[in-house]
PDB file of N, CA and C in Angstrom:
ATOM      1  N   UNK A   1     -14.527  42.156  16.907  1.00  0.00           N
ATOM      2  CA  UNK A   1     -15.133  40.835  16.737  1.00  0.00           C
ATOM      3  C   UNK A   1     -14.102  39.761  16.645  1.00  0.00           C
ATOM      4  N   UNK A   2     -14.257  38.700  17.374  1.00  0.00           N
ATOM      5  CA  UNK A   2     -13.332  37.544  17.312  1.00  0.00           C
ATOM      6  C   UNK A   2     -13.941  36.486  16.527  1.00  0.00           C
ATOM      7  N   UNK A   3     -13.079  35.853  15.809  1.00  0.00           N
ATOM      8  CA  UNK A   3     -13.524  34.678  14.965  1.00  0.00           C
ATOM      9  C   UNK A   3     -13.491  33.474  15.849  1.00  0.00           C
ATOM     10  N   UNK A   4     -14.506  32.682  15.776  1.00  0.00           N
ATOM     11  CA  UNK A   4     -14.533  31.412  16.505  1.00  0.00           C
ATOM     12  C   UNK A   4     -13.812  30.347  15.646  1.00  0.00           C
ATOM     13  N   UNK A   5     -12.984  29.597  16.362  1.00  0.00           N
ATOM     14  CA  UNK A   5     -12.322  28.524  15.599  1.00  0.00           C
ATOM     15  C   UNK A   5     -13.233  27.304  15.491  1.00  0.00           C
ATOM     16  N   UNK A   6     -13.237  26.813  14.391  1.00  0.00           N
ATOM     17  CA  UNK A   6     -14.152  25.550  14.152  1.00  0.00           C
ATOM     18  C   UNK A   6     -13.204  24.471  13.794  1.00  0.00           C
ATOM     19  N   UNK A   7     -13.455  23.387  14.480  1.00  0.00           N
ATOM     20  CA  UNK A   7     -12.731  22.127  14.213  1.00  0.00           C
ATOM     21  C   UNK A   7     -13.571  21.253  13.319  1.00  0.00           C
ATOM     22  N   UNK A   8     -12.929  20.707  12.351  1.00  0.00           N
ATOM     23  CA  UNK A   8     -13.663  19.801  11.471  1.00  0.00           C
ATOM     24  C   UNK A   8     -13.204  18.380  11.793  1.00  0.00           C
ATOM     25  N   UNK A   9     -14.198  17.565  11.885  1.00  0.00           N
ATOM     26  CA  UNK A   9     -13.906  16.131  12.135  1.00  0.00           C
ATOM     27  C   UNK A   9     -14.599  15.299  11.058  1.00  0.00           C
ATOM     28  N   UNK A  10     -13.962  14.290  10.600  1.00  0.00           N
ATOM     29  CA  UNK A  10     -14.523  13.386   9.588  1.00  0.00           C
ATOM     30  C   UNK A  10     -15.296  12.307  10.298  1.00  0.00           C
ATOM     31  N   UNK A  11     -16.552  12.276   9.996  1.00  0.00           N
ATOM     32  CA  UNK A  11     -17.417  11.239  10.561  1.00  0.00           C
ATOM     33  C   UNK A  11     -18.202  10.618   9.365  1.00  0.00           C
ATOM     34  N   UNK A  12     -17.508   9.809   8.666  1.00  0.00           N
ATOM     35  CA  UNK A  12     -18.164   9.118   7.506  1.00  0.00           C
ATOM     36  C   UNK A  12     -18.017   7.666   7.573  1.00  0.00           C
ATOM     37  N   UNK A  13     -18.525   7.042   6.532  1.00  0.00           N
ATOM     38  CA  UNK A  13     -18.496   5.566   6.517  1.00  0.00           C
ATOM     39  C   UNK A  13     -17.096   4.995   6.112  1.00  0.00           C
ATOM     40  N   UNK A  14     -16.347   5.743   5.382  1.00  0.00           N
ATOM     41  CA  UNK A  14     -15.083   5.281   4.993  1.00  0.00           C
ATOM     42  C   UNK A  14     -15.085   4.351   3.796  1.00  0.00           C
ATOM     43  N   UNK A  15     -13.912   4.121   3.222  1.00  0.00           N
ATOM     44  CA  UNK A  15     -13.782   3.297   2.038  1.00  0.00           C
ATOM     45  C   UNK A  15     -14.189   1.857   2.272  1.00  0.00           C
ATOM     46  N   UNK A  16     -13.667   1.246   3.370  1.00  0.00           N
ATOM     47  CA  UNK A  16     -13.975  -0.133   3.664  1.00  0.00           C
ATOM     48  C   UNK A  16     -15.526  -0.371   3.918  1.00  0.00           C
ATOM     49  N   UNK A  17     -16.094   0.595   4.668  1.00  0.00           N
ATOM     50  CA  UNK A  17     -17.504   0.485   4.989  1.00  0.00           C
ATOM     51  C   UNK A  17     -18.348   0.681   3.692  1.00  0.00           C
ATOM     52  N   UNK A  18     -17.926   1.567   2.853  1.00  0.00           N
ATOM     53  CA  UNK A  18     -18.679   1.737   1.588  1.00  0.00           C
ATOM     54  C   UNK A  18     -18.544   0.497   0.708  1.00  0.00           C
ATOM     55  N   UNK A  19     -17.327  -0.097   0.652  1.00  0.00           N
ATOM     56  CA  UNK A  19     -17.137  -1.310  -0.106  1.00  0.00           C
ATOM     57  C   UNK A  19     -17.972  -2.430   0.407  1.00  0.00           C
ATOM     58  N   UNK A  20     -18.043  -2.548   1.742  1.00  0.00           N
ATOM     59  CA  UNK A  20     -18.855  -3.560   2.391  1.00  0.00           C
ATOM     60  C   UNK A  20     -20.345  -3.458   2.076  1.00  0.00           C
ATOM     61  N   UNK A  21     -20.808  -2.223   2.118  1.00  0.00           N
ATOM     62  CA  UNK A  21     -22.246  -1.912   1.811  1.00  0.00           C
ATOM     63  C   UNK A  21     -22.534  -2.310   0.315  1.00  0.00           C
ATOM     64  N   UNK A  22     -21.588  -1.976  -0.570  1.00  0.00           N
ATOM     65  CA  UNK A  22     -21.750  -2.287  -1.997  1.00  0.00           C
ATOM     66  C   UNK A  22     -21.745  -3.793  -2.174  1.00  0.00           C
ATOM     67  N   UNK A  23     -20.887  -4.517  -1.543  1.00  0.00           N
ATOM     68  CA  UNK A  23     -20.857  -5.949  -1.683  1.00  0.00           C
ATOM     69  C   UNK A  23     -22.130  -6.616  -1.111  1.00  0.00           C
ATOM     70  N   UNK A  24     -22.587  -6.109  -0.001  1.00  0.00           N
ATOM     71  CA  UNK A  24     -23.853  -6.708   0.567  1.00  0.00           C
ATOM     72  C   UNK A  24     -25.028  -6.440  -0.397  1.00  0.00           C
ATOM     73  N   UNK A  25     -25.114  -5.249  -0.937  1.00  0.00           N
ATOM     74  CA  UNK A  25     -26.182  -4.964  -1.919  1.00  0.00           C
ATOM     75  C   UNK A  25     -26.082  -5.840  -3.116  1.00  0.00           C
ATOM     76  N   UNK A  26     -24.874  -6.007  -3.598  1.00  0.00           N
ATOM     77  CA  UNK A  26     -24.695  -6.888  -4.807  1.00  0.00           C
ATOM     78  C   UNK A  26     -25.007  -8.368  -4.424  1.00  0.00           C
ATOM     79  N   UNK A  27     -24.764  -8.746  -3.190  1.00  0.00           N
ATOM     80  CA  UNK A  27     -25.023 -10.182  -2.810  1.00  0.00           C
ATOM     81  C   UNK A  27     -26.518 -10.378  -2.624  1.00  0.00           C
ATOM     82  N   UNK A  28     -27.195  -9.416  -1.991  1.00  0.00           N
ATOM     83  CA  UNK A  28     -28.648  -9.471  -1.767  1.00  0.00           C
ATOM     84  C   UNK A  28     -29.449  -9.402  -3.058  1.00  0.00           C
ATOM     85  N   UNK A  29     -28.956  -8.743  -4.111  1.00  0.00           N
ATOM     86  CA  UNK A  29     -29.614  -8.613  -5.343  1.00  0.00           C
ATOM     87  C   UNK A  29     -29.206  -9.795  -6.287  1.00  0.00           C
ATOM     88  N   UNK A  30     -28.411 -10.760  -5.777  1.00  0.00           N
ATOM     89  CA  UNK A  30     -28.019 -11.911  -6.494  1.00  0.00           C
ATOM     90  C   UNK A  30     -27.125 -11.571  -7.795  1.00  0.00           C
ATOM     91  N   UNK A  31     -26.476 -10.403  -7.681  1.00  0.00           N
ATOM     92  CA  UNK A  31     -25.590  -9.985  -8.793  1.00  0.00           C
ATOM     93  C   UNK A  31     -24.233 -10.718  -8.715  1.00  0.00           C
ATOM     94  N   UNK A  32     -23.842 -11.001  -7.483  1.00  0.00           N
ATOM     95  CA  UNK A  32     -22.626 -11.827  -7.217  1.00  0.00           C
ATOM     96  C   UNK A  32     -22.984 -13.003  -6.414  1.00  0.00           C
ATOM     97  N   UNK A  33     -22.253 -14.069  -6.605  1.00  0.00           N
ATOM     98  CA  UNK A  33     -22.572 -15.319  -5.847  1.00  0.00           C
ATOM     99  C   UNK A  33     -21.508 -15.634  -4.832  1.00  0.00           C
ATOM    100  N   UNK A  34     -20.844 -14.643  -4.287  1.00  0.00           N
ATOM    101  CA  UNK A  34     -19.727 -14.971  -3.383  1.00  0.00           C
ATOM    102  C   UNK A  34     -20.285 -15.402  -2.067  1.00  0.00           C
ATOM    103  N   UNK A  35     -19.386 -16.046  -1.251  1.00  0.00           N
ATOM    104  CA  UNK A  35     -19.804 -16.355   0.098  1.00  0.00           C
ATOM    105  C   UNK A  35     -19.779 -15.170   0.933  1.00  0.00           C
ATOM    106  N   UNK A  36     -20.420 -15.270   2.097  1.00  0.00           N
ATOM    107  CA  UNK A  36     -20.562 -14.115   3.035  1.00  0.00           C
ATOM    108  C   UNK A  36     -19.183 -13.741   3.612  1.00  0.00           C
ATOM    109  N   UNK A  37     -18.243 -14.675   3.633  1.00  0.00           N
ATOM    110  CA  UNK A  37     -16.848 -14.397   4.068  1.00  0.00           C
ATOM    111  C   UNK A  37     -16.244 -13.365   3.174  1.00  0.00           C
ATOM    112  N   UNK A  38     -16.410 -13.482   1.864  1.00  0.00           N
ATOM    113  CA  UNK A  38     -15.857 -12.511   0.938  1.00  0.00           C
ATOM    114  C   UNK A  38     -16.601 -11.221   0.832  1.00  0.00           C
ATOM    115  N   UNK A  39     -17.903 -11.343   1.118  1.00  0.00           N
ATOM    116  CA  UNK A  39     -18.690 -10.073   1.053  1.00  0.00           C
ATOM    117  C   UNK A  39     -18.310  -9.160   2.260  1.00  0.00           C
ATOM    118  N   UNK A  40     -18.014  -9.752   3.388  1.00  0.00           N
ATOM    119  CA  UNK A  40     -17.621  -8.993   4.541  1.00  0.00           C
ATOM    120  C   UNK A  40     -16.166  -8.785   4.682  1.00  0.00           C
ATOM    121  N   UNK A  41     -15.372  -9.273   3.694  1.00  0.00           N
ATOM    122  CA  UNK A  41     -13.949  -9.151   3.758  1.00  0.00           C
ATOM    123  C   UNK A  41     -13.373  -7.774   3.921  1.00  0.00           C
ATOM    124  N   UNK A  42     -13.989  -6.656   3.364  1.00  0.00           N
ATOM    125  CA  UNK A  42     -13.441  -5.303   3.617  1.00  0.00           C
ATOM    126  C   UNK A  42     -13.441  -4.929   5.046  1.00  0.00           C
ATOM    127  N   UNK A  43     -14.247  -5.660   5.921  1.00  0.00           N
ATOM    128  CA  UNK A  43     -14.210  -5.373   7.353  1.00  0.00           C
ATOM    129  C   UNK A  43     -13.129  -6.123   8.023  1.00  0.00           C
ATOM    130  N   UNK A  44     -12.942  -7.430   7.735  1.00  0.00           N
ATOM    131  CA  UNK A  44     -12.011  -8.190   8.559  1.00  0.00           C
ATOM    132  C   UNK A  44     -10.602  -8.295   7.995  1.00  0.00           C
ATOM    133  N   UNK A  45     -10.379  -8.097   6.729  1.00  0.00           N
ATOM    134  CA  UNK A  45      -9.048  -8.192   6.155  1.00  0.00           C
ATOM    135  C   UNK A  45      -8.141  -7.033   6.716  1.00  0.00           C
ATOM    136  N   UNK A  46      -8.571  -5.800   6.756  1.00  0.00           N
ATOM    137  CA  UNK A  46      -7.666  -4.819   7.370  1.00  0.00           C
ATOM    138  C   UNK A  46      -7.362  -5.051   8.801  1.00  0.00           C
ATOM    139  N   UNK A  47      -8.312  -5.586   9.596  1.00  0.00           N
ATOM    140  CA  UNK A  47      -8.077  -5.985  10.953  1.00  0.00           C
ATOM    141  C   UNK A  47      -7.028  -7.084  11.082  1.00  0.00           C
ATOM    142  N   UNK A  48      -7.104  -8.100  10.238  1.00  0.00           N
ATOM    143  CA  UNK A  48      -6.121  -9.212  10.209  1.00  0.00           C
ATOM    144  C   UNK A  48      -4.734  -8.684   9.801  1.00  0.00           C
ATOM    145  N   UNK A  49      -4.649  -7.769   8.866  1.00  0.00           N
ATOM    146  CA  UNK A  49      -3.399  -7.224   8.476  1.00  0.00           C
ATOM    147  C   UNK A  49      -2.740  -6.453   9.550  1.00  0.00           C
ATOM    148  N   UNK A  50      -3.577  -5.620  10.286  1.00  0.00           N
ATOM    149  CA  UNK A  50      -3.056  -4.911  11.449  1.00  0.00           C
ATOM    150  C   UNK A  50      -2.567  -5.830  12.511  1.00  0.00           C
ATOM    151  N   UNK A  51      -3.277  -6.942  12.827  1.00  0.00           N
ATOM    152  CA  UNK A  51      -2.889  -7.828  13.796  1.00  0.00           C
ATOM    153  C   UNK A  51      -1.575  -8.536  13.419  1.00  0.00           C
ATOM    154  N   UNK A  52      -1.434  -8.861  12.119  1.00  0.00           N
ATOM    155  CA  UNK A  52      -0.205  -9.433  11.647  1.00  0.00           C
ATOM    156  C   UNK A  52       0.974  -8.544  11.769  1.00  0.00           C
ATOM    157  N   UNK A  53       0.721  -7.271  11.459  1.00  0.00           N
ATOM    158  CA  UNK A  53       1.822  -6.263  11.667  1.00  0.00           C
ATOM    159  C   UNK A  53       2.215  -6.112  13.112  1.00  0.00           C
ATOM    160  N   UNK A  54       1.239  -6.117  14.036  1.00  0.00           N
ATOM    161  CA  UNK A  54       1.570  -6.062  15.433  1.00  0.00           C
ATOM    162  C   UNK A  54       2.376  -7.307  15.904  1.00  0.00           C
ATOM    163  N   UNK A  55       1.925  -8.424  15.402  1.00  0.00           N
ATOM    164  CA  UNK A  55       2.700  -9.674  15.771  1.00  0.00           C
ATOM    165  C   UNK A  55       4.147  -9.686  15.181  1.00  0.00           C
ATOM    166  N   UNK A  56       4.268  -9.151  13.989  1.00  0.00           N
ATOM    167  CA  UNK A  56       5.613  -9.055  13.429  1.00  0.00           C
ATOM    168  C   UNK A  56       6.478  -8.082  14.197  1.00  0.00           C
ATOM    169  N   UNK A  57       5.877  -6.966  14.641  1.00  0.00           N
ATOM    170  CA  UNK A  57       6.640  -6.032  15.498  1.00  0.00           C
ATOM    171  C   UNK A  57       7.042  -6.643  16.825  1.00  0.00           C
ATOM    172  N   UNK A  58       6.142  -7.448  17.452  1.00  0.00           N
ATOM    173  CA  UNK A  58       6.427  -8.098  18.680  1.00  0.00           C
ATOM    174  C   UNK A  58       7.533  -9.112  18.514  1.00  0.00           C
ATOM    175  N   UNK A  59       7.458  -9.915  17.480  1.00  0.00           N
ATOM    176  CA  UNK A  59       8.531 -10.903  17.198  1.00  0.00           C
ATOM    177  C   UNK A  59       9.876 -10.229  16.959  1.00  0.00           C
ATOM    178  N   UNK A  60       9.873  -9.114  16.218  1.00  0.00           N
ATOM    179  CA  UNK A  60      11.151  -8.398  15.995  1.00  0.00           C
ATOM    180  C   UNK A  60      11.683  -7.774  17.275  1.00  0.00           C
ATOM    181  N   UNK A  61      10.801  -7.305  18.134  1.00  0.00           N
ATOM    182  CA  UNK A  61      11.317  -6.690  19.364  1.00  0.00           C
ATOM    183  C   UNK A  61      11.891  -7.699  20.272  1.00  0.00           C
ATOM    184  N   UNK A  62      11.248  -8.939  20.351  1.00  0.00           N
ATOM    185  CA  UNK A  62      11.802  -9.974  21.161  1.00  0.00           C
ATOM    186  C   UNK A  62      13.102 -10.521  20.561  1.00  0.00           C
ATOM    187  N   UNK A  63      13.157 -10.701  19.242  1.00  0.00           N
ATOM    188  CA  UNK A  63      14.380 -11.222  18.539  1.00  0.00           C
ATOM    189  C   UNK A  63      15.541 -10.290  18.671  1.00  0.00           C
ATOM    190  N   UNK A  64      15.288  -9.008  18.676  1.00  0.00           N
ATOM    191  CA  UNK A  64      16.351  -8.005  18.780  1.00  0.00           C
ATOM    192  C   UNK A  64      16.705  -7.681  20.215  1.00  0.00           C
ATOM    193  N   UNK A  65      16.070  -8.318  21.168  1.00  0.00           N
ATOM    194  CA  UNK A  65      16.384  -8.075  22.555  1.00  0.00           C
ATOM    195  C   UNK A  65      15.849  -6.737  23.145  1.00  0.00           C
ATOM    196  N   UNK A  66      14.936  -6.145  22.474  1.00  0.00           N
ATOM    197  CA  UNK A  66      14.377  -4.813  22.923  1.00  0.00           C
ATOM    198  C   UNK A  66      13.280  -4.943  23.969  1.00  0.00           C
ATOM    199  N   UNK A  67      12.626  -6.173  23.956  1.00  0.00           N
ATOM    200  CA  UNK A  67      11.503  -6.362  24.852  1.00  0.00           C
ATOM    201  C   UNK A  67      11.488  -7.783  25.358  1.00  0.00           C
ATOM    202  N   UNK A  68      11.241  -8.113  26.535  1.00  0.00           N
ATOM    203  CA  UNK A  68      11.146  -7.227  27.625  1.00  0.00           C
ATOM    204  C   UNK A  68      12.524  -6.834  28.139  1.00  0.00           C
ATOM    205  N   UNK A  69      12.671  -5.625  28.683  1.00  0.00           N
ATOM    206  CA  UNK A  69      13.911  -5.249  29.305  1.00  0.00           C
ATOM    207  C   UNK A  69      14.124  -5.922  30.592  1.00  0.00           C
ATOM    208  N   UNK A  70      15.338  -6.394  30.800  1.00  0.00           N
ATOM    209  CA  UNK A  70      15.612  -7.090  32.050  1.00  0.00           C
ATOM    210  C   UNK A  70      16.025  -6.055  33.102  1.00  0.00           C
ATOM    211  N   UNK A  71      15.538  -6.164  34.276  1.00  0.00           N
ATOM    212  CA  UNK A  71      15.833  -5.301  35.342  1.00  0.00           C
ATOM    213  C   UNK A  71      16.957  -5.900  36.168  1.00  0.00           C
ATOM    214  N   UNK A  72      17.807  -5.014  36.628  1.00  0.00           N
ATOM    215  CA  UNK A  72      18.866  -5.458  37.494  1.00  0.00           C
ATOM    216  C   UNK A  72      18.366  -5.470  38.934  1.00  0.00           C
ATOM    217  N   UNK A  73      18.633  -6.543  39.671  1.00  0.00           N
ATOM    218  CA  UNK A  73      18.190  -6.630  41.100  1.00  0.00           C
ATOM    219  C   UNK A  73      19.303  -6.146  41.952  1.00  0.00           C
ATOM    220  N   UNK A  74      18.987  -5.245  42.876  1.00  0.00           N
ATOM    221  CA  UNK A  74      20.013  -4.713  43.770  1.00  0.00           C
ATOM    222  C   UNK A  74      19.716  -5.070  45.134  1.00  0.00           C
TER     223      UNK A  74
END
């Protein structure tokens, strides 16, 4: 008998999604009086941080002369 390999994949809501759901519930039950920008912040703040990191990497690559590579014309 051969054992079948099973692959496990995580398909859940995640921490940021769970925090967003919690904030929305608290906002709709009037437990918090935050603006919707802050209620949805667990969604957009990680995205903004990632984009800032990519921008920093791009600036550093250009400043250090690593990108774009100049091609020699023959």
